[in-house]
C-alpha atoms as a PDB file:
ATOM      1  CA  MET A   1     -30.095 -38.025  13.057  1.00  0.00           C
ATOM      2  CA  GLU A   2     -32.596 -38.641  10.582  1.00  0.00           C
ATOM      3  CA  VAL A   3     -33.062 -42.168   9.259  1.00  0.00           C
ATOM      4  CA  ASN A   4     -35.788 -42.729   6.148  1.00  0.00           C
ATOM      5  CA  LEU A   5     -36.399 -46.685   6.378  1.00  0.00           C
ATOM      6  CA  ILE A   6     -39.966 -46.024   4.171  1.00  0.00           C
ATOM      7  CA  SER A   7     -38.451 -48.006   1.401  1.00  0.00           C
ATOM      8  CA  ASP A   8     -35.477 -48.841  -0.564  1.00  0.00           C
ATOM      9  CA  THR A   9     -36.555 -46.161  -3.457  1.00  0.00           C
ATOM     10  CA  VAL A  10     -35.298 -43.726  -1.327  1.00  0.00           C
ATOM     11  CA  THR A  11     -31.557 -44.153  -1.806  1.00  0.00           C
ATOM     12  CA  LEU A  12     -29.401 -41.549  -3.512  1.00  0.00           C
ATOM     13  CA  PRO A  13     -27.109 -42.310  -6.399  1.00  0.00           C
ATOM     14  CA  SER A  14     -23.365 -43.585  -5.476  1.00  0.00           C
ATOM     15  CA  GLU A  15     -20.584 -41.478  -6.761  1.00  0.00           C
ATOM     16  CA  GLY A  16     -19.597 -44.837  -8.866  1.00  0.00           C
ATOM     17  CA  MET A  17     -23.084 -44.290 -10.426  1.00  0.00           C
ATOM     18  CA  LEU A  18     -22.942 -40.440 -10.759  1.00  0.00           C
ATOM     19  CA  ASP A  19     -19.546 -40.634 -12.548  1.00  0.00           C
ATOM     20  CA  ALA A  20     -21.140 -43.672 -14.898  1.00  0.00           C
ATOM     21  CA  ILE A  21     -23.913 -41.306 -15.490  1.00  0.00           C
ATOM     22  CA  ASN A  22     -21.651 -38.493 -16.966  1.00  0.00           C
ATOM     23  CA  LYS A  23     -19.581 -40.679 -18.913  1.00  0.00           C
ATOM     24  CA  ALA A  24     -22.931 -42.372 -20.321  1.00  0.00           C
ATOM     25  CA  LYS A  25     -23.236 -42.392 -24.348  1.00  0.00           C
ATOM     26  CA  ILE A  26     -26.715 -41.225 -25.216  1.00  0.00           C
ATOM     27  CA  GLY A  27     -28.691 -41.073 -28.238  1.00  0.00           C
ATOM     28  CA  ASP A  28     -32.822 -40.956 -29.035  1.00  0.00           C
ATOM     29  CA  ASP A  29     -34.161 -44.218 -27.449  1.00  0.00           C
ATOM     30  CA  VAL A  30     -37.002 -43.433 -29.048  1.00  0.00           C
ATOM     31  CA  TYR A  31     -35.533 -43.914 -32.320  1.00  0.00           C
ATOM     32  CA  LYS A  32     -33.689 -46.977 -30.680  1.00  0.00           C
ATOM     33  CA  GLU A  33     -30.654 -45.237 -30.842  1.00  0.00           C
ATOM     34  CA  ASP A  34     -29.611 -44.756 -27.402  1.00  0.00           C
ATOM     35  CA  PRO A  35     -26.304 -46.846 -27.180  1.00  0.00           C
ATOM     36  CA  SER A  36     -26.364 -47.025 -23.028  1.00  0.00           C
ATOM     37  CA  ILE A  37     -30.343 -48.384 -23.359  1.00  0.00           C
ATOM     38  CA  ASN A  38     -29.389 -50.738 -26.244  1.00  0.00           C
ATOM     39  CA  GLU A  39     -26.759 -52.137 -23.639  1.00  0.00           C
ATOM     40  CA  LEU A  40     -28.166 -52.035 -21.024  1.00  0.00           C
ATOM     41  CA  GLU A  41     -31.222 -53.879 -22.349  1.00  0.00           C
ATOM     42  CA  GLU A  42     -29.120 -56.740 -23.741  1.00  0.00           C
ATOM     43  CA  LYS A  43     -27.179 -57.172 -20.493  1.00  0.00           C
ATOM     44  CA  VAL A  44     -30.752 -57.479 -18.852  1.00  0.00           C
ATOM     45  CA  ALA A  45     -31.756 -60.010 -20.934  1.00  0.00           C
ATOM     46  CA  LYS A  46     -29.137 -62.425 -21.500  1.00  0.00           C
ATOM     47  CA  LEU A  47     -28.581 -62.130 -17.659  1.00  0.00           C
ATOM     48  CA  PHE A  48     -32.388 -63.609 -17.300  1.00  0.00           C
ATOM     49  CA  ASN A  49     -31.584 -66.226 -20.241  1.00  0.00           C
ATOM     50  CA  LYS A  50     -34.246 -64.238 -22.685  1.00  0.00           C
ATOM     51  CA  GLU A  51     -33.950 -62.777 -25.844  1.00  0.00           C
ATOM     52  CA  ASP A  52     -35.293 -59.415 -25.003  1.00  0.00           C
ATOM     53  CA  ALA A  53     -35.586 -56.549 -22.727  1.00  0.00           C
ATOM     54  CA  LEU A  54     -36.786 -53.260 -22.832  1.00  0.00           C
ATOM     55  CA  PHE A  55     -36.792 -50.588 -21.046  1.00  0.00           C
ATOM     56  CA  PHE A  56     -39.073 -48.376 -18.548  1.00  0.00           C
ATOM     57  CA  PRO A  57     -39.720 -45.076 -16.474  1.00  0.00           C
ATOM     58  CA  SER A  58     -41.458 -47.327 -13.606  1.00  0.00           C
ATOM     59  CA  GLY A  59     -42.137 -51.064 -12.962  1.00  0.00           C
ATOM     60  CA  THR A  60     -45.783 -50.353 -12.740  1.00  0.00           C
ATOM     61  CA  MET A  61     -45.576 -49.332 -16.329  1.00  0.00           C
ATOM     62  CA  ALA A  62     -43.619 -52.529 -17.205  1.00  0.00           C
ATOM     63  CA  ASN A  63     -45.909 -54.754 -15.338  1.00  0.00           C
ATOM     64  CA  GLN A  64     -49.132 -53.091 -17.238  1.00  0.00           C
ATOM     65  CA  THR A  65     -47.520 -53.433 -20.726  1.00  0.00           C
ATOM     66  CA  ALA A  66     -46.988 -56.917 -19.612  1.00  0.00           C
ATOM     67  CA  ILE A  67     -50.754 -57.646 -18.627  1.00  0.00           C
ATOM     68  CA  LYS A  68     -51.799 -56.334 -21.528  1.00  0.00           C
ATOM     69  CA  ILE A  69     -50.378 -57.725 -23.813  1.00  0.00           C
ATOM     70  CA  HIS A  70     -51.180 -61.116 -21.985  1.00  0.00           C
ATOM     71  CA  THR A  71     -54.444 -60.606 -21.964  1.00  0.00           C
ATOM     72  CA  SER A  72     -57.834 -59.226 -23.778  1.00  0.00           C
ATOM     73  CA  PRO A  73     -60.769 -57.118 -22.276  1.00  0.00           C
ATOM     74  CA  GLY A  74     -62.969 -59.328 -20.325  1.00  0.00           C
ATOM     75  CA  GLU A  75     -60.701 -61.743 -19.150  1.00  0.00           C
ATOM     76  CA  GLN A  76     -59.072 -62.519 -16.089  1.00  0.00           C
ATOM     77  CA  LEU A  77     -55.620 -63.060 -14.036  1.00  0.00           C
ATOM     78  CA  ILE A  78     -54.507 -64.841 -11.099  1.00  0.00           C
ATOM     79  CA  CYS A  79     -52.863 -63.159  -8.050  1.00  0.00           C
ATOM     80  CA  ASP A  80     -51.938 -63.017  -4.821  1.00  0.00           C
ATOM     81  CA  HIS A  81     -54.388 -60.617  -2.977  1.00  0.00           C
ATOM     82  CA  TYR A  82     -51.163 -58.813  -1.469  1.00  0.00           C
ATOM     83  CA  SER A  83     -49.786 -58.046  -4.893  1.00  0.00           C
ATOM     84  CA  HIS A  84     -48.625 -55.247  -6.232  1.00  0.00           C
ATOM     85  CA  VAL A  85     -50.257 -55.313  -9.312  1.00  0.00           C
ATOM     86  CA  PHE A  86     -53.551 -55.530  -7.486  1.00  0.00           C
ATOM     87  CA  ASN A  87     -52.898 -52.967  -4.522  1.00  0.00           C
ATOM     88  CA  TYR A  88     -50.426 -50.569  -6.144  1.00  0.00           C
ATOM     89  CA  GLU A  89     -50.989 -49.350  -9.340  1.00  0.00           C
ATOM     90  CA  GLY A  90     -53.737 -47.449  -9.415  1.00  0.00           C
ATOM     91  CA  GLY A  91     -56.009 -50.001 -10.898  1.00  0.00           C
ATOM     92  CA  GLY A  92     -54.384 -50.151 -13.939  1.00  0.00           C
ATOM     93  CA  VAL A  93     -55.291 -54.040 -14.817  1.00  0.00           C
ATOM     94  CA  SER A  94     -58.727 -52.894 -15.371  1.00  0.00           C
ATOM     95  CA  PHE A  95     -57.840 -49.291 -16.722  1.00  0.00           C
ATOM     96  CA  ASN A  96     -55.667 -50.355 -18.929  1.00  0.00           C
ATOM     97  CA  SER A  97     -56.486 -53.751 -19.881  1.00  0.00           C
ATOM     98  CA  GLY A  98     -60.235 -54.334 -18.893  1.00  0.00           C
ATOM     99  CA  VAL A  99     -59.501 -57.221 -17.110  1.00  0.00           C
ATOM    100  CA  SER A 100     -60.302 -58.573 -13.286  1.00  0.00           C
ATOM    101  CA  CYS A 101     -58.167 -60.294 -10.900  1.00  0.00           C
ATOM    102  CA  ASN A 102     -59.077 -63.422  -9.491  1.00  0.00           C
ATOM    103  CA  LEU A 103     -57.394 -63.013  -6.058  1.00  0.00           C
ATOM    104  CA  ILE A 104     -55.711 -66.179  -3.597  1.00  0.00           C
ATOM    105  CA  GLU A 105     -55.120 -65.591  -0.156  1.00  0.00           C
ATOM    106  CA  GLY A 106     -51.858 -66.488  -0.054  1.00  0.00           C
ATOM    107  CA  ASN A 107     -48.894 -67.632   1.973  1.00  0.00           C
ATOM    108  CA  ARG A 108     -46.977 -63.726   2.874  1.00  0.00           C
ATOM    109  CA  GLY A 109     -48.113 -62.947  -0.712  1.00  0.00           C
ATOM    110  CA  MET A 110     -46.928 -66.355  -2.223  1.00  0.00           C
ATOM    111  CA  ILE A 111     -49.424 -68.728  -4.146  1.00  0.00           C
ATOM    112  CA  ASN A 112     -48.666 -72.098  -5.228  1.00  0.00           C
ATOM    113  CA  SER A 113     -49.811 -74.679  -7.718  1.00  0.00           C
ATOM    114  CA  ASP A 114     -52.900 -76.144  -5.934  1.00  0.00           C
ATOM    115  CA  GLN A 115     -54.296 -73.284  -5.161  1.00  0.00           C
ATOM    116  CA  ILE A 116     -53.547 -71.844  -8.926  1.00  0.00           C
ATOM    117  CA  ILE A 117     -55.703 -74.715 -10.203  1.00  0.00           C
ATOM    118  CA  SER A 118     -59.204 -74.526  -8.028  1.00  0.00           C
ATOM    119  CA  LYS A 119     -59.061 -70.623  -9.008  1.00  0.00           C
ATOM    120  CA  ILE A 120     -58.779 -71.272 -13.478  1.00  0.00           C
ATOM    121  CA  ASN A 121     -62.179 -70.812 -14.741  1.00  0.00           C
ATOM    122  CA  PRO A 122     -63.777 -73.346 -17.550  1.00  0.00           C
ATOM    123  CA  PRO A 123     -62.800 -72.106 -20.674  1.00  0.00           C
ATOM    124  CA  ASP A 124     -66.155 -73.548 -22.148  1.00  0.00           C
ATOM    125  CA  PHE A 125     -67.804 -71.903 -19.380  1.00  0.00           C
ATOM    126  CA  TYR A 126     -68.564 -68.355 -20.987  1.00  0.00           C
ATOM    127  CA  HIS A 127     -70.485 -66.990 -17.904  1.00  0.00           C
ATOM    128  CA  SER A 128     -67.196 -66.438 -16.061  1.00  0.00           C
ATOM    129  CA  PRO A 129     -64.100 -64.478 -17.410  1.00  0.00           C
ATOM    130  CA  LEU A 130     -61.674 -66.288 -18.929  1.00  0.00           C
ATOM    131  CA  THR A 131     -58.505 -66.676 -17.560  1.00  0.00           C
ATOM    132  CA  SER A 132     -55.969 -66.028 -19.362  1.00  0.00           C
ATOM    133  CA  LEU A 133     -52.751 -64.860 -16.840  1.00  0.00           C
ATOM    134  CA  VAL A 134     -51.019 -65.860 -13.651  1.00  0.00           C
ATOM    135  CA  CYS A 135     -49.225 -62.739 -12.038  1.00  0.00           C
ATOM    136  CA  LEU A 136     -46.128 -63.519  -9.201  1.00  0.00           C
ATOM    137  CA  GLU A 137     -44.177 -61.696  -7.251  1.00  0.00           C
ATOM    138  CA  ASN A 138     -40.723 -62.215  -6.276  1.00  0.00           C
ATOM    139  CA  SER A 139     -39.729 -60.996  -3.412  1.00  0.00           C
ATOM    140  CA  THR A 140     -43.639 -60.062  -2.295  1.00  0.00           C
ATOM    141  CA  ASN A 141     -43.553 -56.409  -1.189  1.00  0.00           C
ATOM    142  CA  LYS A 142     -46.678 -56.870   1.150  1.00  0.00           C
ATOM    143  CA  GLY A 143     -46.208 -60.343   2.169  1.00  0.00           C
ATOM    144  CA  GLY A 144     -42.400 -58.807   3.816  1.00  0.00           C
ATOM    145  CA  GLY A 145     -40.052 -59.701   1.777  1.00  0.00           C
ATOM    146  CA  ALA A 146     -41.015 -63.377   1.151  1.00  0.00           C
ATOM    147  CA  VAL A 147     -38.962 -65.522  -1.242  1.00  0.00           C
ATOM    148  CA  TYR A 148     -40.425 -68.314  -3.388  1.00  0.00           C
ATOM    149  CA  ALA A 149     -39.006 -71.630  -3.969  1.00  0.00           C
ATOM    150  CA  ILE A 150     -37.787 -72.133  -6.937  1.00  0.00           C
ATOM    151  CA  ASN A 151     -39.350 -75.689  -7.196  1.00  0.00           C
ATOM    152  CA  GLU A 152     -42.119 -73.876  -6.417  1.00  0.00           C
ATOM    153  CA  ILE A 153     -42.452 -71.615  -9.335  1.00  0.00           C
ATOM    154  CA  GLU A 154     -41.543 -74.677 -11.759  1.00  0.00           C
ATOM    155  CA  LYS A 155     -44.696 -76.663 -10.746  1.00  0.00           C
ATOM    156  CA  ILE A 156     -46.976 -73.387 -11.416  1.00  0.00           C
ATOM    157  CA  LYS A 157     -45.429 -72.930 -14.422  1.00  0.00           C
ATOM    158  CA  ALA A 158     -46.849 -76.611 -15.364  1.00  0.00           C
ATOM    159  CA  VAL A 159     -49.575 -75.179 -14.309  1.00  0.00           C
ATOM    160  CA  CYS A 160     -49.588 -72.409 -16.450  1.00  0.00           C
ATOM    161  CA  LYS A 161     -48.349 -74.376 -19.640  1.00  0.00           C
ATOM    162  CA  GLU A 162     -51.076 -77.259 -19.308  1.00  0.00           C
ATOM    163  CA  ASN A 163     -53.888 -74.606 -18.845  1.00  0.00           C
ATOM    164  CA  ASN A 164     -52.517 -72.643 -21.630  1.00  0.00           C
ATOM    165  CA  LEU A 165     -51.852 -69.797 -19.209  1.00  0.00           C
ATOM    166  CA  GLY A 166     -49.208 -66.951 -19.407  1.00  0.00           C
ATOM    167  CA  LEU A 167     -46.915 -66.525 -16.442  1.00  0.00           C
ATOM    168  CA  HIS A 168     -45.771 -63.090 -15.596  1.00  0.00           C
ATOM    169  CA  LEU A 169     -43.217 -62.063 -12.925  1.00  0.00           C
ATOM    170  CA  ASP A 170     -43.312 -59.293 -10.938  1.00  0.00           C
ATOM    171  CA  GLY A 171     -39.489 -59.132 -10.148  1.00  0.00           C
ATOM    172  CA  ALA A 172     -39.359 -55.643  -8.665  1.00  0.00           C
ATOM    173  CA  ARG A 173     -37.000 -57.214  -6.066  1.00  0.00           C
ATOM    174  CA  ILE A 174     -35.832 -60.510  -8.125  1.00  0.00           C
ATOM    175  CA  TRP A 175     -32.413 -59.007  -7.091  1.00  0.00           C
ATOM    176  CA  ASN A 176     -33.258 -59.367  -3.157  1.00  0.00           C
ATOM    177  CA  ALA A 177     -34.693 -62.743  -4.105  1.00  0.00           C
ATOM    178  CA  ILE A 178     -31.989 -64.020  -5.910  1.00  0.00           C
ATOM    179  CA  ILE A 179     -29.528 -63.139  -3.154  1.00  0.00           C
ATOM    180  CA  ALA A 180     -31.565 -64.727  -0.684  1.00  0.00           C
ATOM    181  CA  SER A 181     -32.398 -67.741  -2.402  1.00  0.00           C
ATOM    182  CA  LYS A 182     -28.910 -68.201  -3.473  1.00  0.00           C
ATOM    183  CA  THR A 183     -30.558 -68.294  -7.143  1.00  0.00           C
ATOM    184  CA  ASN A 184     -29.130 -67.522 -10.464  1.00  0.00           C
ATOM    185  CA  PRO A 185     -31.070 -65.283 -12.665  1.00  0.00           C
ATOM    186  CA  SER A 186     -30.622 -67.561 -15.900  1.00  0.00           C
ATOM    187  CA  GLN A 187     -32.871 -70.176 -14.148  1.00  0.00           C
ATOM    188  CA  TYR A 188     -36.215 -67.652 -13.878  1.00  0.00           C
ATOM    189  CA  GLY A 189     -35.919 -66.849 -17.762  1.00  0.00           C
ATOM    190  CA  PRO A 190     -37.067 -70.389 -19.047  1.00  0.00           C
ATOM    191  CA  LEU A 191     -39.910 -70.497 -16.157  1.00  0.00           C
ATOM    192  CA  PHE A 192     -41.396 -67.010 -16.995  1.00  0.00           C
ATOM    193  CA  ASP A 193     -43.081 -65.822 -20.181  1.00  0.00           C
ATOM    194  CA  SER A 194     -42.257 -62.061 -19.400  1.00  0.00           C
ATOM    195  CA  ILE A 195     -40.348 -60.600 -15.974  1.00  0.00           C
ATOM    196  CA  SER A 196     -39.747 -56.737 -14.861  1.00  0.00           C
ATOM    197  CA  VAL A 197     -37.184 -56.065 -12.999  1.00  0.00           C
ATOM    198  CA  CYS A 198     -36.750 -52.624 -10.797  1.00  0.00           C
ATOM    199  CA  PHE A 199     -33.298 -50.904 -10.652  1.00  0.00           C
ATOM    200  CA  SER A 200     -34.313 -48.191  -8.404  1.00  0.00           C
ATOM    201  CA  LYS A 201     -35.002 -50.291  -5.741  1.00  0.00           C
ATOM    202  CA  GLY A 202     -32.608 -52.294  -3.481  1.00  0.00           C
ATOM    203  CA  LEU A 203     -29.455 -51.595  -6.776  1.00  0.00           C
ATOM    204  CA  GLY A 204     -30.085 -47.772  -5.718  1.00  0.00           C
ATOM    205  CA  ALA A 205     -30.650 -46.475  -9.736  1.00  0.00           C
ATOM    206  CA  PRO A 206     -32.557 -43.320  -9.513  1.00  0.00           C
ATOM    207  CA  VAL A 207     -35.061 -44.493 -12.193  1.00  0.00           C
ATOM    208  CA  GLY A 208     -36.217 -47.672 -14.503  1.00  0.00           C
ATOM    209  CA  SER A 209     -37.263 -50.645 -14.837  1.00  0.00           C
ATOM    210  CA  ALA A 210     -37.061 -53.465 -17.774  1.00  0.00           C
ATOM    211  CA  LEU A 211     -39.846 -56.031 -19.269  1.00  0.00           C
ATOM    212  CA  ILE A 212     -37.821 -58.872 -20.098  1.00  0.00           C
ATOM    213  CA  SER A 213     -38.983 -61.327 -22.493  1.00  0.00           C
ATOM    214  CA  SER A 214     -38.864 -62.472 -26.401  1.00  0.00           C
ATOM    215  CA  LYS A 215     -38.520 -60.669 -29.417  1.00  0.00           C
ATOM    216  CA  GLU A 216     -42.003 -60.758 -30.452  1.00  0.00           C
ATOM    217  CA  PHE A 217     -43.117 -60.169 -26.520  1.00  0.00           C
ATOM    218  CA  ILE A 218     -40.664 -56.813 -26.803  1.00  0.00           C
ATOM    219  CA  GLN A 219     -41.830 -55.639 -30.135  1.00  0.00           C
ATOM    220  CA  LYS A 220     -45.401 -55.901 -28.566  1.00  0.00           C
ATOM    221  CA  ALA A 221     -44.487 -54.250 -25.337  1.00  0.00           C
ATOM    222  CA  LEU A 222     -42.584 -51.538 -27.398  1.00  0.00           C
ATOM    223  CA  ARG A 223     -46.027 -50.265 -29.122  1.00  0.00           C
ATOM    224  CA  ILE A 224     -47.466 -50.197 -25.557  1.00  0.00           C
ATOM    225  CA  ARG A 225     -44.323 -48.272 -23.743  1.00  0.00           C
ATOM    226  CA  LYS A 226     -45.535 -45.653 -26.429  1.00  0.00           C
ATOM    227  CA  VAL A 227     -49.105 -45.676 -26.037  1.00  0.00           C
ATOM    228  CA  LEU A 228     -48.374 -45.382 -22.190  1.00  0.00           C
ATOM    229  CA  GLY A 229     -46.440 -42.346 -22.463  1.00  0.00           C
ATOM    230  CA  GLY A 230     -43.063 -44.317 -21.331  1.00  0.00           C
ATOM    231  CA  GLY A 231     -40.902 -44.240 -24.083  1.00  0.00           C
ATOM    232  CA  MET A 232     -37.635 -41.091 -23.583  1.00  0.00           C
ATOM    233  CA  ARG A 233     -34.986 -39.630 -25.715  1.00  0.00           C
ATOM    234  CA  GLN A 234     -31.475 -39.489 -24.173  1.00  0.00           C
ATOM    235  CA  SER A 235     -32.302 -41.936 -21.368  1.00  0.00           C
ATOM    236  CA  GLY A 236     -29.126 -43.429 -21.630  1.00  0.00           C
ATOM    237  CA  ILE A 237     -28.219 -41.845 -18.401  1.00  0.00           C
ATOM    238  CA  LEU A 238     -30.580 -43.870 -16.686  1.00  0.00           C
ATOM    239  CA  ALA A 239     -29.715 -46.453 -18.209  1.00  0.00           C
ATOM    240  CA  ALA A 240     -26.110 -46.103 -17.218  1.00  0.00           C
ATOM    241  CA  ALA A 241     -26.690 -45.860 -13.621  1.00  0.00           C
ATOM    242  CA  ALA A 242     -28.742 -48.784 -13.812  1.00  0.00           C
ATOM    243  CA  SER A 243     -26.147 -50.782 -15.613  1.00  0.00           C
ATOM    244  CA  TYR A 244     -23.239 -49.462 -13.305  1.00  0.00           C
ATOM    245  CA  ALA A 245     -25.915 -50.685 -10.129  1.00  0.00           C
ATOM    246  CA  ILE A 246     -26.057 -54.384 -11.692  1.00  0.00           C
ATOM    247  CA  ASP A 247     -22.411 -54.722 -11.805  1.00  0.00           C
ATOM    248  CA  ASN A 248     -21.389 -52.705  -8.573  1.00  0.00           C
ATOM    249  CA  HIS A 249     -24.288 -52.789  -6.535  1.00  0.00           C
ATOM    250  CA  TRP A 250     -25.958 -56.045  -6.799  1.00  0.00           C
ATOM    251  CA  THR A 251     -23.862 -58.415  -3.964  1.00  0.00           C
ATOM    252  CA  ASP A 252     -24.505 -55.155  -1.465  1.00  0.00           C
ATOM    253  CA  LEU A 253     -27.954 -56.649  -0.952  1.00  0.00           C
ATOM    254  CA  GLU A 254     -27.044 -59.118   1.578  1.00  0.00           C
ATOM    255  CA  GLU A 255     -26.159 -56.440   3.986  1.00  0.00           C
ATOM    256  CA  ASP A 256     -29.342 -55.241   3.886  1.00  0.00           C
ATOM    257  CA  HIS A 257     -30.912 -58.897   4.817  1.00  0.00           C
ATOM    258  CA  PHE A 258     -28.372 -58.201   7.847  1.00  0.00           C
ATOM    259  CA  LYS A 259     -29.365 -55.545   9.068  1.00  0.00           C
ATOM    260  CA  ALA A 260     -33.483 -56.516   8.618  1.00  0.00           C
ATOM    261  CA  LYS A 261     -32.434 -59.639  10.541  1.00  0.00           C
ATOM    262  CA  ASP A 262     -31.168 -57.703  13.543  1.00  0.00           C
ATOM    263  CA  LEU A 263     -34.376 -55.709  13.416  1.00  0.00           C
ATOM    264  CA  GLU A 264     -36.788 -58.458  13.377  1.00  0.00           C
ATOM    265  CA  LYS A 265     -34.665 -59.735  16.453  1.00  0.00           C
ATOM    266  CA  GLU A 266     -34.850 -56.476  18.042  1.00  0.00           C
ATOM    267  CA  LEU A 267     -38.932 -56.339  17.032  1.00  0.00           C
ATOM    268  CA  ILE A 268     -39.633 -59.668  18.584  1.00  0.00           C
ATOM    269  CA  LYS A 269     -38.652 -58.359  22.072  1.00  0.00           C
ATOM    270  CA  LEU A 270     -40.950 -55.734  22.324  1.00  0.00           C
ATOM    271  CA  SER A 271     -43.938 -56.555  24.478  1.00  0.00           C
ATOM    272  CA  PHE A 272     -46.618 -54.499  22.330  1.00  0.00           C
ATOM    273  CA  ILE A 273     -45.337 -56.226  19.138  1.00  0.00           C
ATOM    274  CA  LYS A 274     -47.788 -58.836  18.219  1.00  0.00           C
ATOM    275  CA  LYS A 275     -46.145 -60.301  15.119  1.00  0.00           C
ATOM    276  CA  VAL A 276     -43.262 -59.665  13.178  1.00  0.00           C
ATOM    277  CA  GLU A 277     -43.147 -61.485   9.556  1.00  0.00           C
ATOM    278  CA  HIS A 278     -40.375 -63.959   9.080  1.00  0.00           C
ATOM    279  CA  VAL A 279     -37.200 -62.015   7.604  1.00  0.00           C
ATOM    280  CA  GLU A 280     -35.752 -63.305   4.540  1.00  0.00           C
ATOM    281  CA  THR A 281     -34.366 -60.138   2.499  1.00  0.00           C
ATOM    282  CA  ASN A 282     -34.738 -56.508   3.309  1.00  0.00           C
ATOM    283  CA  ILE A 283     -38.303 -55.713   3.996  1.00  0.00           C
ATOM    284  CA  VAL A 284     -39.791 -56.330   7.805  1.00  0.00           C
ATOM    285  CA  ILE A 285     -43.238 -55.908   8.286  1.00  0.00           C
ATOM    286  CA  PHE A 286     -44.613 -55.761  12.037  1.00  0.00           C
ATOM    287  CA  GLU A 287     -47.946 -55.666  13.669  1.00  0.00           C
ATOM    288  CA  LEU A 288     -48.948 -54.090  16.834  1.00  0.00           C
ATOM    289  CA  ILE A 289     -50.825 -55.302  19.858  1.00  0.00           C
ATOM    290  CA  ASN A 290     -54.490 -54.463  19.264  1.00  0.00           C
ATOM    291  CA  ASP A 291     -54.833 -51.779  22.348  1.00  0.00           C
ATOM    292  CA  ILE A 292     -51.768 -49.759  20.895  1.00  0.00           C
ATOM    293  CA  ASP A 293     -52.548 -47.328  17.839  1.00  0.00           C
ATOM    294  CA  ASN A 294     -50.071 -47.361  15.348  1.00  0.00           C
ATOM    295  CA  ARG A 295     -50.548 -43.262  14.790  1.00  0.00           C
ATOM    296  CA  LEU A 296     -48.861 -43.248  17.770  1.00  0.00           C
ATOM    297  CA  LEU A 297     -45.658 -45.166  16.904  1.00  0.00           C
ATOM    298  CA  LEU A 298     -44.757 -43.532  14.320  1.00  0.00           C
ATOM    299  CA  GLU A 299     -45.440 -40.384  15.304  1.00  0.00           C
ATOM    300  CA  ILE A 300     -42.692 -41.366  17.963  1.00  0.00           C
ATOM    301  CA  LEU A 301     -40.211 -42.704  15.543  1.00  0.00           C
ATOM    302  CA  ASN A 302     -40.795 -39.236  13.642  1.00  0.00           C
ATOM    303  CA  LYS A 303     -40.012 -37.218  16.318  1.00  0.00           C
ATOM    304  CA  LYS A 304     -36.763 -39.429  16.996  1.00  0.00           C
ATOM    305  CA  GLY A 305     -36.291 -38.781  13.341  1.00  0.00           C
ATOM    306  CA  ILE A 306     -37.010 -42.259  12.291  1.00  0.00           C
ATOM    307  CA  ARG A 307     -39.335 -42.355   9.336  1.00  0.00           C
ATOM    308  CA  ILE A 308     -41.182 -46.096   8.735  1.00  0.00           C
ATOM    309  CA  SER A 309     -44.705 -46.962   6.707  1.00  0.00           C
ATOM    310  CA  ASP A 310     -47.713 -47.141   7.779  1.00  0.00           C
ATOM    311  CA  MET A 311     -49.623 -51.007   5.889  1.00  0.00           C
ATOM    312  CA  GLY A 312     -52.904 -50.553   8.181  1.00  0.00           C
ATOM    313  CA  ASN A 313     -54.376 -52.980   9.591  1.00  0.00           C
ATOM    314  CA  ASN A 314     -51.886 -52.230  12.980  1.00  0.00           C
ATOM    315  CA  ARG A 315     -49.002 -53.609  10.432  1.00  0.00           C
ATOM    316  CA  LEU A 316     -46.375 -51.548  10.033  1.00  0.00           C
ATOM    317  CA  ARG A 317     -42.764 -51.739   7.667  1.00  0.00           C
ATOM    318  CA  ILE A 318     -39.650 -51.074   7.264  1.00  0.00           C
ATOM    319  CA  VAL A 319     -37.116 -51.148   4.304  1.00  0.00           C
ATOM    320  CA  THR A 320     -33.365 -51.488   4.435  1.00  0.00           C
ATOM    321  CA  HIS A 321     -31.367 -50.124   1.824  1.00  0.00           C
ATOM    322  CA  ARG A 322     -27.589 -48.959   0.552  1.00  0.00           C
ATOM    323  CA  ASP A 323     -27.910 -45.431   2.131  1.00  0.00           C
ATOM    324  CA  TYR A 324     -28.819 -46.991   5.701  1.00  0.00           C
ATOM    325  CA  THR A 325     -25.625 -47.000   7.190  1.00  0.00           C
ATOM    326  CA  LYS A 326     -24.437 -48.695   9.971  1.00  0.00           C
ATOM    327  CA  LYS A 327     -24.638 -45.707  12.176  1.00  0.00           C
ATOM    328  CA  GLN A 328     -28.288 -45.049  11.613  1.00  0.00           C
ATOM    329  CA  HIS A 329     -28.439 -48.803  11.887  1.00  0.00           C
ATOM    330  CA  ASN A 330     -27.462 -48.924  15.719  1.00  0.00           C
ATOM    331  CA  TYR A 331     -29.612 -45.882  16.333  1.00  0.00           C
ATOM    332  CA  VAL A 332     -32.383 -47.064  15.044  1.00  0.00           C
ATOM    333  CA  LEU A 333     -32.181 -50.487  17.041  1.00  0.00           C
ATOM    334  CA  ALA A 334     -31.452 -48.681  20.691  1.00  0.00           C
ATOM    335  CA  VAL A 335     -34.569 -46.801  19.627  1.00  0.00           C
ATOM    336  CA  LEU A 336     -36.540 -49.685  19.312  1.00  0.00           C
ATOM    337  CA  SER A 337     -34.976 -51.465  22.466  1.00  0.00           C
ATOM    338  CA  SER A 338     -35.828 -47.848  24.705  1.00  0.00           C
ATOM    339  CA  LEU A 339     -39.449 -47.988  23.378  1.00  0.00           C
ATOM    340  CA  LYS A 340     -42.144 -48.651  26.431  1.00  0.00           C
ATOM    341  CA  PHE A 341     -45.542 -48.489  25.937  1.00  0.00           C
END
């Protein structure tokens, strides 16, 4: 049996999604004449209680565009040391915007208001970079799918407002965070100046993210997206998939969370596992004891058809998703329970 648990981006479109793609009304989105794109952007903006949204080919491009608008070269943003914008966007923060990251060692990828206050450079101290932006990630990738409490985000928002800082949310897996925390997307819009959301993680769409903000911000984003080469033509077929995913796949995420919790319970029983991060959503990160080489475990699992991710430092990652079936789940649990070193 083949089981791919490397990421929730490995899913294939469902039959209903393929039908929606086939029936999509399309036009040239570079001229803003694609009705399916326009409909998706309006839907997502309304969902998060914001004025406007813009469709992007990737979450990385959406995040990088937001950072570019929020900052000027030579300035600095604050984020957790596990954050995606720092670790997994190819150095785009410095390459695209000419800014640096002031890193915080938070709790599983989450930072708090007091930590942020301690990292804000005095605006009149010209020897250090001017702090202009705070970036949060919810849920956290490298932190094992951890979810921010809404009241902590409110505290962070107050700090940003008091210090005239922008606040951006990398919400690649915000859909999972909302399900896990039993919150509503409309609660997030007023707390953030900009939000990126991904349709290909968890929701099962093949391609696409959106940047959500004010009309003025999105107008600026349109220009940056053009500069970065993100303008697409008849991309309504992608928007139709994303829109279908929001309407039909979102509530399915809870099943992914249940399966991840099962995996956590099984991994905790194994003698060669040093630590399993507390599971809240669909990401399971675990650490092996020091004398076990993670490459050996990966090799054993690969031979049994199970693929997971190497996070380095003896940490490994499993991500459940909508194409991970109950039959596959039972197989993985059985394989894990049989492992011995």
